[in-house]
């Protein structure tokens, strides 16, 4: 009988611990595609992918045996490179475009981060002003003290 309480794995065998070892979250940065699959997904020849790797246009991950593994982001980059080269841009130009696009992306992220920090600071300033209104002892008071000045008397010689 599968899926009983005595078998928490649902009849698949193995323990929860073994299953957890294979529970891998995938994102756009996870290198999973071998070069032949990446070539098929991009419409490029595997030798072209190797050339792009050597030139630094794309940097795939490596398997334990040294084989290239491409992520979804690498696939997108390769498609973008293919579009740019098809438009007549040389590989050095493509490399510079990719560098500038990466820089623009990081600067955009930094601007968003700084805008968020500015918003947080403005909220904190508003809260401080509200609290200061309820705490008059923190506000500077005009002084009503009177100071009498007496000049020095000159000695006569």
N, C-alpha and C. Protein backbone atom coordinates (compact mmCIF):
# COMPACT_ATOMS: atom_id res chain seq x y z
N UNK A 1 0.84 -1.17 0.00
CA UNK A 1 0.00 0.00 0.00
C UNK A 1 0.89 1.24 0.00
N UNK A 2 0.63 2.19 -0.88
CA UNK A 2 1.46 3.39 -0.99
C UNK A 2 0.81 4.55 -0.27
N UNK A 3 1.66 5.48 0.22
CA UNK A 3 1.16 6.70 0.83
C UNK A 3 0.61 6.51 2.22
N UNK A 4 0.98 5.47 2.93
CA UNK A 4 0.49 5.26 4.29
C UNK A 4 1.33 6.04 5.26
N UNK A 5 0.87 6.07 6.51
CA UNK A 5 1.62 6.78 7.53
C UNK A 5 2.96 6.14 7.80
N UNK A 6 3.05 4.86 7.64
CA UNK A 6 4.31 4.20 7.90
C UNK A 6 5.32 4.47 6.80
N UNK A 7 4.85 4.95 5.64
CA UNK A 7 5.74 5.26 4.52
C UNK A 7 5.57 6.73 4.14
N UNK A 8 6.33 7.65 4.82
CA UNK A 8 6.14 9.08 4.57
C UNK A 8 6.57 9.54 3.19
N UNK A 9 7.26 8.72 2.45
CA UNK A 9 7.72 9.13 1.12
C UNK A 9 6.68 8.88 0.06
N UNK A 10 5.52 8.38 0.45
CA UNK A 10 4.48 8.14 -0.54
C UNK A 10 4.74 6.91 -1.39
N UNK A 11 5.47 5.94 -0.87
CA UNK A 11 5.71 4.72 -1.60
C UNK A 11 6.84 4.80 -2.59
N UNK A 12 7.60 5.88 -2.58
CA UNK A 12 8.67 6.04 -3.54
C UNK A 12 9.98 5.45 -3.04
N UNK A 13 9.99 5.01 -1.80
CA UNK A 13 11.20 4.44 -1.23
C UNK A 13 12.13 5.55 -0.79
N UNK A 14 13.08 5.20 0.06
CA UNK A 14 14.02 6.21 0.55
C UNK A 14 13.44 6.96 1.72
N UNK A 15 14.23 7.77 2.32
CA UNK A 15 13.79 8.52 3.48
C UNK A 15 13.53 9.97 3.10
N UNK A 16 12.95 10.69 4.05
CA UNK A 16 12.74 12.12 3.81
C UNK A 16 14.06 12.83 3.63
N UNK A 17 15.05 12.39 4.36
CA UNK A 17 16.37 13.00 4.25
C UNK A 17 16.94 12.85 2.84
N UNK A 18 16.78 11.66 2.26
CA UNK A 18 17.27 11.42 0.90
C UNK A 18 16.51 12.28 -0.10
N UNK A 19 15.20 12.42 0.12
CA UNK A 19 14.41 13.26 -0.78
C UNK A 19 14.82 14.72 -0.66
N UNK A 20 15.10 15.16 0.56
CA UNK A 20 15.48 16.56 0.78
C UNK A 20 16.78 16.88 0.07
N UNK A 21 17.67 15.92 -0.05
CA UNK A 21 18.93 16.15 -0.72
C UNK A 21 18.73 16.47 -2.20
N UNK A 22 17.66 15.96 -2.79
CA UNK A 22 17.38 16.21 -4.20
C UNK A 22 16.40 17.36 -4.41
N UNK A 23 15.88 17.92 -3.33
CA UNK A 23 14.96 19.04 -3.43
C UNK A 23 15.78 20.30 -3.71
N UNK A 24 15.88 20.65 -4.98
CA UNK A 24 16.75 21.75 -5.40
C UNK A 24 15.89 22.85 -6.01
N UNK A 25 16.05 24.05 -5.51
CA UNK A 25 15.29 25.15 -6.08
C UNK A 25 16.01 25.64 -7.32
N UNK A 26 15.24 25.86 -8.36
CA UNK A 26 15.80 26.30 -9.64
C UNK A 26 15.48 27.77 -9.83
N UNK A 27 16.46 28.48 -10.30
CA UNK A 27 16.23 29.87 -10.69
C UNK A 27 16.96 30.13 -11.99
N UNK A 28 16.95 31.35 -12.44
CA UNK A 28 17.55 31.68 -13.74
C UNK A 28 19.07 31.54 -13.73
N UNK A 29 19.68 31.46 -12.56
CA UNK A 29 21.13 31.37 -12.45
C UNK A 29 21.64 29.93 -12.31
N UNK A 30 20.76 28.97 -12.14
CA UNK A 30 21.18 27.59 -11.92
C UNK A 30 21.65 26.97 -13.23
N UNK A 31 22.93 26.57 -13.32
CA UNK A 31 23.43 25.97 -14.56
C UNK A 31 23.00 24.51 -14.69
N UNK A 32 22.10 24.24 -15.64
CA UNK A 32 21.57 22.89 -15.79
C UNK A 32 21.66 22.34 -17.21
N UNK A 33 21.78 23.18 -18.22
CA UNK A 33 21.72 22.73 -19.60
C UNK A 33 23.12 22.41 -20.14
N UNK A 34 23.28 21.23 -20.69
CA UNK A 34 24.55 20.87 -21.33
C UNK A 34 24.66 21.64 -22.64
N UNK A 35 25.82 21.64 -23.22
CA UNK A 35 26.09 22.47 -24.40
C UNK A 35 25.20 22.11 -25.59
N UNK A 36 24.89 20.83 -25.75
CA UNK A 36 24.05 20.45 -26.89
C UNK A 36 22.64 20.98 -26.74
N UNK A 37 22.11 20.96 -25.52
CA UNK A 37 20.76 21.50 -25.28
C UNK A 37 20.77 23.02 -25.43
N UNK A 38 21.81 23.67 -24.90
CA UNK A 38 21.91 25.12 -25.03
C UNK A 38 22.01 25.52 -26.49
N UNK A 39 22.76 24.75 -27.28
CA UNK A 39 22.89 25.04 -28.71
C UNK A 39 21.54 24.91 -29.40
N UNK A 40 20.79 23.89 -29.02
CA UNK A 40 19.47 23.69 -29.63
C UNK A 40 18.51 24.80 -29.23
N UNK A 41 18.55 25.22 -27.96
CA UNK A 41 17.64 26.26 -27.48
C UNK A 41 17.95 27.62 -28.09
N UNK A 42 19.20 27.86 -28.44
CA UNK A 42 19.59 29.17 -28.98
C UNK A 42 19.69 29.19 -30.49
N UNK A 43 19.75 28.03 -31.10
CA UNK A 43 19.91 27.97 -32.55
C UNK A 43 21.35 28.21 -32.99
N UNK A 44 22.28 28.10 -32.08
CA UNK A 44 23.69 28.29 -32.37
C UNK A 44 24.42 26.95 -32.37
N UNK A 45 25.54 26.89 -33.04
CA UNK A 45 26.34 25.67 -33.09
C UNK A 45 27.12 25.54 -31.78
N UNK A 46 27.32 24.32 -31.27
CA UNK A 46 28.10 24.15 -30.03
C UNK A 46 29.49 24.79 -30.10
N UNK A 47 30.13 24.76 -31.27
CA UNK A 47 31.45 25.39 -31.39
C UNK A 47 31.34 26.90 -31.21
N UNK A 48 30.25 27.48 -31.66
CA UNK A 48 30.02 28.91 -31.46
C UNK A 48 29.88 29.22 -29.98
N UNK A 49 29.19 28.34 -29.24
CA UNK A 49 29.04 28.54 -27.80
C UNK A 49 30.41 28.46 -27.11
N UNK A 50 31.25 27.56 -27.55
CA UNK A 50 32.60 27.45 -26.98
C UNK A 50 33.41 28.73 -27.26
N UNK A 51 33.25 29.26 -28.47
CA UNK A 51 33.94 30.50 -28.84
C UNK A 51 33.46 31.66 -27.96
N UNK A 52 32.16 31.77 -27.78
CA UNK A 52 31.60 32.83 -26.95
C UNK A 52 32.09 32.69 -25.51
N UNK A 53 32.26 31.47 -25.03
CA UNK A 53 32.80 31.24 -23.70
C UNK A 53 34.25 31.72 -23.63
N UNK A 54 35.05 31.38 -24.63
CA UNK A 54 36.45 31.81 -24.65
C UNK A 54 36.58 33.33 -24.70
N UNK A 55 35.67 33.99 -25.42
CA UNK A 55 35.71 35.46 -25.54
C UNK A 55 35.12 36.16 -24.32
N UNK A 56 34.47 35.41 -23.45
CA UNK A 56 33.89 35.99 -22.25
C UNK A 56 32.52 36.61 -22.45
N UNK A 57 31.87 36.30 -23.57
CA UNK A 57 30.52 36.82 -23.79
C UNK A 57 29.51 36.16 -22.86
N UNK A 58 29.75 34.91 -22.56
CA UNK A 58 28.91 34.16 -21.63
C UNK A 58 29.85 33.26 -20.83
N UNK A 59 29.55 33.08 -19.56
CA UNK A 59 30.39 32.25 -18.70
C UNK A 59 29.53 31.16 -18.07
N UNK A 60 29.45 30.01 -18.73
CA UNK A 60 28.63 28.93 -18.18
C UNK A 60 29.29 28.32 -16.94
N UNK A 61 28.46 27.66 -16.14
CA UNK A 61 29.00 26.92 -15.01
C UNK A 61 29.71 25.68 -15.52
N UNK A 62 30.32 24.96 -14.63
CA UNK A 62 31.04 23.74 -14.99
C UNK A 62 30.54 22.58 -14.15
N UNK A 63 30.46 21.42 -14.78
CA UNK A 63 30.10 20.20 -14.06
C UNK A 63 31.35 19.66 -13.38
N UNK A 64 31.18 18.60 -12.60
CA UNK A 64 32.31 18.00 -11.93
C UNK A 64 33.38 17.54 -12.89
N UNK A 65 33.00 17.11 -14.07
CA UNK A 65 33.96 16.65 -15.07
C UNK A 65 34.49 17.76 -15.96
N UNK A 66 34.05 18.99 -15.75
CA UNK A 66 34.55 20.12 -16.53
C UNK A 66 33.67 20.52 -17.69
N UNK A 67 32.57 19.81 -17.92
CA UNK A 67 31.66 20.16 -19.01
C UNK A 67 30.90 21.44 -18.72
N UNK A 68 30.56 22.15 -19.77
CA UNK A 68 29.83 23.41 -19.61
C UNK A 68 28.37 23.12 -19.26
N UNK A 69 27.85 23.94 -18.34
CA UNK A 69 26.44 23.88 -17.97
C UNK A 69 25.89 25.29 -18.05
N UNK A 70 24.85 25.46 -18.85
CA UNK A 70 24.26 26.77 -19.10
C UNK A 70 23.00 26.97 -18.28
N UNK A 71 22.82 28.17 -17.76
CA UNK A 71 21.62 28.52 -17.02
C UNK A 71 20.62 29.19 -17.98
N UNK A 72 19.42 29.45 -17.47
CA UNK A 72 18.42 30.16 -18.28
C UNK A 72 18.92 31.56 -18.64
N UNK A 73 19.60 32.21 -17.70
CA UNK A 73 20.15 33.54 -17.99
C UNK A 73 21.21 33.45 -19.08
N UNK A 74 22.04 32.38 -19.06
CA UNK A 74 23.03 32.19 -20.11
C UNK A 74 22.35 32.00 -21.47
N UNK A 75 21.26 31.25 -21.49
CA UNK A 75 20.51 31.02 -22.72
C UNK A 75 19.97 32.35 -23.25
N UNK A 76 19.42 33.17 -22.35
CA UNK A 76 18.91 34.49 -22.77
C UNK A 76 20.04 35.36 -23.32
N UNK A 77 21.19 35.32 -22.66
CA UNK A 77 22.34 36.10 -23.13
C UNK A 77 22.78 35.63 -24.51
N UNK A 78 22.83 34.32 -24.71
CA UNK A 78 23.24 33.77 -26.01
C UNK A 78 22.26 34.19 -27.11
N UNK A 79 20.97 34.19 -26.80
CA UNK A 79 19.98 34.64 -27.79
C UNK A 79 20.19 36.12 -28.11
N UNK A 80 20.49 36.91 -27.09
CA UNK A 80 20.74 38.34 -27.29
C UNK A 80 21.99 38.54 -28.15
N UNK A 81 23.03 37.77 -27.88
CA UNK A 81 24.26 37.85 -28.68
C UNK A 81 23.95 37.50 -30.14
N UNK A 82 23.14 36.46 -30.33
CA UNK A 82 22.78 36.05 -31.69
C UNK A 82 22.03 37.18 -32.41
N UNK A 83 21.13 37.87 -31.70
CA UNK A 83 20.39 38.99 -32.31
C UNK A 83 21.34 40.12 -32.70
N UNK A 84 22.27 40.43 -31.79
CA UNK A 84 23.20 41.53 -32.06
C UNK A 84 24.13 41.21 -33.23
N UNK A 85 24.63 39.98 -33.27
CA UNK A 85 25.53 39.62 -34.38
C UNK A 85 24.76 39.55 -35.70
N UNK A 86 23.50 39.14 -35.62
CA UNK A 86 22.68 39.11 -36.83
C UNK A 86 22.42 40.53 -37.36
N UNK A 87 22.44 41.51 -36.44
CA UNK A 87 22.25 42.90 -36.84
C UNK A 87 23.53 43.52 -37.39
N UNK A 88 24.62 42.72 -37.41
CA UNK A 88 25.85 43.20 -38.01
C UNK A 88 26.87 43.75 -37.03
N UNK A 89 26.65 43.56 -35.73
CA UNK A 89 27.59 44.06 -34.73
C UNK A 89 28.67 43.01 -34.51
N UNK A 90 29.92 43.43 -34.49
CA UNK A 90 31.04 42.53 -34.26
C UNK A 90 31.07 42.02 -32.82
N UNK A 91 31.84 40.97 -32.59
CA UNK A 91 31.87 40.34 -31.27
C UNK A 91 32.44 41.27 -30.20
N UNK A 92 33.42 42.10 -30.54
CA UNK A 92 33.94 43.06 -29.56
C UNK A 92 32.87 44.10 -29.21
N UNK A 93 32.11 44.53 -30.20
CA UNK A 93 31.00 45.45 -29.95
C UNK A 93 29.93 44.81 -29.09
N UNK A 94 29.64 43.54 -29.38
CA UNK A 94 28.65 42.81 -28.60
C UNK A 94 29.11 42.71 -27.15
N UNK A 95 30.39 42.42 -26.96
CA UNK A 95 30.94 42.31 -25.60
C UNK A 95 30.78 43.62 -24.85
N UNK A 96 31.09 44.73 -25.53
CA UNK A 96 30.96 46.05 -24.89
C UNK A 96 29.50 46.37 -24.59
N UNK A 97 28.60 46.02 -25.49
CA UNK A 97 27.16 46.24 -25.26
C UNK A 97 26.71 45.45 -24.04
N UNK A 98 27.12 44.20 -23.93
CA UNK A 98 26.74 43.38 -22.77
C UNK A 98 27.28 43.97 -21.47
N UNK A 99 28.51 44.47 -21.51
CA UNK A 99 29.09 45.10 -20.31
C UNK A 99 28.30 46.33 -19.91
N UNK A 100 27.95 47.16 -20.90
CA UNK A 100 27.20 48.38 -20.60
C UNK A 100 25.79 48.08 -20.12
N UNK A 101 25.17 47.04 -20.68
CA UNK A 101 23.84 46.65 -20.22
C UNK A 101 23.90 46.14 -18.78
N UNK A 102 24.93 45.39 -18.45
CA UNK A 102 25.09 44.90 -17.08
C UNK A 102 25.32 46.07 -16.12
N UNK A 103 26.12 47.04 -16.55
CA UNK A 103 26.36 48.22 -15.73
C UNK A 103 25.08 49.01 -15.51
N UNK A 104 24.31 49.20 -16.58
CA UNK A 104 23.04 49.93 -16.47
C UNK A 104 22.08 49.19 -15.53
N UNK A 105 22.06 47.88 -15.60
CA UNK A 105 21.19 47.10 -14.73
C UNK A 105 21.60 47.24 -13.27
N UNK A 106 22.91 47.19 -13.00
CA UNK A 106 23.36 47.32 -11.62
C UNK A 106 23.13 48.74 -11.09
N UNK A 107 23.32 49.74 -11.95
CA UNK A 107 23.07 51.11 -11.52
C UNK A 107 21.59 51.36 -11.27
N UNK A 108 20.74 50.78 -12.08
CA UNK A 108 19.30 50.90 -11.85
C UNK A 108 18.91 50.28 -10.53
N UNK A 109 19.49 49.13 -10.22
CA UNK A 109 19.21 48.48 -8.94
C UNK A 109 19.71 49.33 -7.78
N UNK A 110 20.87 49.95 -7.94
CA UNK A 110 21.44 50.80 -6.89
C UNK A 110 20.58 52.04 -6.68
N UNK A 111 20.08 52.63 -7.77
CA UNK A 111 19.20 53.80 -7.65
C UNK A 111 17.93 53.42 -6.89
N UNK A 112 17.36 52.27 -7.22
CA UNK A 112 16.16 51.81 -6.51
C UNK A 112 16.44 51.61 -5.03
N UNK A 113 17.61 51.05 -4.73
CA UNK A 113 18.01 50.83 -3.34
C UNK A 113 18.16 52.16 -2.60
N UNK A 114 18.78 53.14 -3.24
CA UNK A 114 18.97 54.45 -2.62
C UNK A 114 17.65 55.19 -2.46
N UNK A 115 16.75 55.06 -3.44
CA UNK A 115 15.44 55.69 -3.32
C UNK A 115 14.66 55.10 -2.15
N UNK A 116 14.77 53.79 -1.97
CA UNK A 116 14.11 53.14 -0.83
C UNK A 116 14.69 53.63 0.49
N UNK A 117 16.01 53.77 0.55
CA UNK A 117 16.66 54.27 1.77
C UNK A 117 16.24 55.71 2.04
N UNK A 118 16.10 56.52 0.98
CA UNK A 118 15.66 57.90 1.14
C UNK A 118 14.23 57.95 1.66
N UNK A 119 13.37 57.11 1.11
CA UNK A 119 11.98 57.05 1.58
C UNK A 119 11.94 56.66 3.06
N UNK A 120 12.76 55.69 3.46
CA UNK A 120 12.80 55.27 4.85
C UNK A 120 13.27 56.41 5.75
N UNK A 121 14.28 57.15 5.29
CA UNK A 121 14.80 58.28 6.07
C UNK A 121 13.75 59.38 6.21
N UNK A 122 12.99 59.63 5.15
CA UNK A 122 11.94 60.65 5.21
C UNK A 122 10.84 60.25 6.19
N UNK A 123 10.48 58.97 6.19
CA UNK A 123 9.47 58.48 7.14
C UNK A 123 9.98 58.64 8.56
N UNK A 124 11.25 58.30 8.79
CA UNK A 124 11.82 58.43 10.12
C UNK A 124 11.86 59.90 10.56
N UNK A 125 12.17 60.79 9.65
CA UNK A 125 12.20 62.22 9.95
C UNK A 125 10.80 62.72 10.32
N UNK A 126 9.80 62.29 9.57
CA UNK A 126 8.42 62.69 9.87
C UNK A 126 7.99 62.16 11.23
N UNK A 127 8.34 60.93 11.55
CA UNK A 127 7.99 60.36 12.86
C UNK A 127 8.69 61.12 13.98
N UNK A 128 9.95 61.47 13.75
CA UNK A 128 10.69 62.22 14.77
C UNK A 128 10.05 63.58 14.99
N UNK A 129 9.61 64.23 13.93
CA UNK A 129 8.97 65.54 14.06
C UNK A 129 7.65 65.42 14.81
N UNK A 130 6.89 64.35 14.54
CA UNK A 130 5.63 64.12 15.26
C UNK A 130 5.90 63.89 16.74
N UNK A 131 6.91 63.11 17.05
CA UNK A 131 7.22 62.83 18.44
C UNK A 131 7.74 64.07 19.14
N UNK A 132 8.49 64.89 18.46
CA UNK A 132 9.02 66.11 19.05
C UNK A 132 7.91 67.07 19.43
N UNK A 133 6.82 67.06 18.70
CA UNK A 133 5.70 67.94 19.01
C UNK A 133 5.05 67.55 20.34
N UNK A 134 5.12 66.29 20.71
CA UNK A 134 4.53 65.83 21.96
C UNK A 134 5.51 65.91 23.13
N UNK A 135 6.73 66.23 22.88
CA UNK A 135 7.74 66.31 23.92
C UNK A 135 8.36 67.71 23.92
N UNK A 136 7.65 68.68 24.50
CA UNK A 136 8.15 70.06 24.44
C UNK A 136 9.48 70.25 25.16
N UNK A 137 9.79 69.39 26.12
CA UNK A 137 11.06 69.57 26.82
C UNK A 137 12.26 69.31 25.91
N UNK A 138 12.03 68.68 24.79
CA UNK A 138 13.12 68.45 23.85
C UNK A 138 13.33 69.64 22.92
N UNK A 139 12.33 70.49 22.87
CA UNK A 139 12.42 71.65 21.99
C UNK A 139 13.21 72.75 22.70
N UNK A 140 14.03 73.46 21.98
CA UNK A 140 14.79 74.55 22.63
C UNK A 140 13.84 75.66 23.07
N UNK A 141 14.10 76.17 24.26
CA UNK A 141 13.25 77.24 24.80
C UNK A 141 14.01 78.55 24.69
N UNK A 142 13.27 79.60 24.42
CA UNK A 142 13.94 80.90 24.42
C UNK A 142 14.33 81.26 25.86
N UNK A 143 15.49 81.75 26.01
CA UNK A 143 16.00 82.09 27.34
C UNK A 143 15.47 83.45 27.77
N UNK A 144 15.11 83.55 29.05
CA UNK A 144 14.64 84.82 29.59
C UNK A 144 15.62 85.35 30.63
N UNK A 145 16.80 84.80 30.64
CA UNK A 145 17.80 85.23 31.61
C UNK A 145 18.32 86.62 31.26
N UNK A 146 18.61 87.35 32.29
CA UNK A 146 19.16 88.70 32.12
C UNK A 146 20.60 88.67 32.61
N UNK A 147 21.48 89.14 31.81
CA UNK A 147 22.89 89.19 32.18
C UNK A 147 23.29 90.65 32.27
N UNK A 148 23.85 90.99 33.41
CA UNK A 148 24.28 92.36 33.61
C UNK A 148 25.77 92.40 33.37
N UNK A 149 26.16 93.31 32.51
CA UNK A 149 27.57 93.42 32.19
C UNK A 149 28.17 94.59 32.96
N UNK A 150 29.24 94.26 33.58
CA UNK A 150 29.95 95.34 34.26
C UNK A 150 31.34 95.38 33.70
N UNK A 151 31.65 96.47 33.15
CA UNK A 151 32.98 96.62 32.58
C UNK A 151 34.04 96.71 33.65
N UNK A 152 35.26 96.43 33.32
CA UNK A 152 36.36 96.54 34.27
C UNK A 152 36.63 98.00 34.57
N UNK A 153 36.95 98.19 35.74
CA UNK A 153 37.35 99.56 36.10
C UNK A 153 38.81 99.70 35.79
N UNK A 154 39.16 100.83 35.25
CA UNK A 154 40.56 101.07 34.90
C UNK A 154 41.33 101.56 36.11
N UNK A 155 42.52 101.08 36.19
CA UNK A 155 43.40 101.56 37.26
C UNK A 155 44.04 102.88 36.83
N UNK A 156 44.17 103.71 37.75
CA UNK A 156 44.83 104.96 37.44
C UNK A 156 46.29 104.83 37.80
N UNK A 157 47.11 105.36 37.02
CA UNK A 157 48.54 105.29 37.28
C UNK A 157 49.05 106.54 37.86
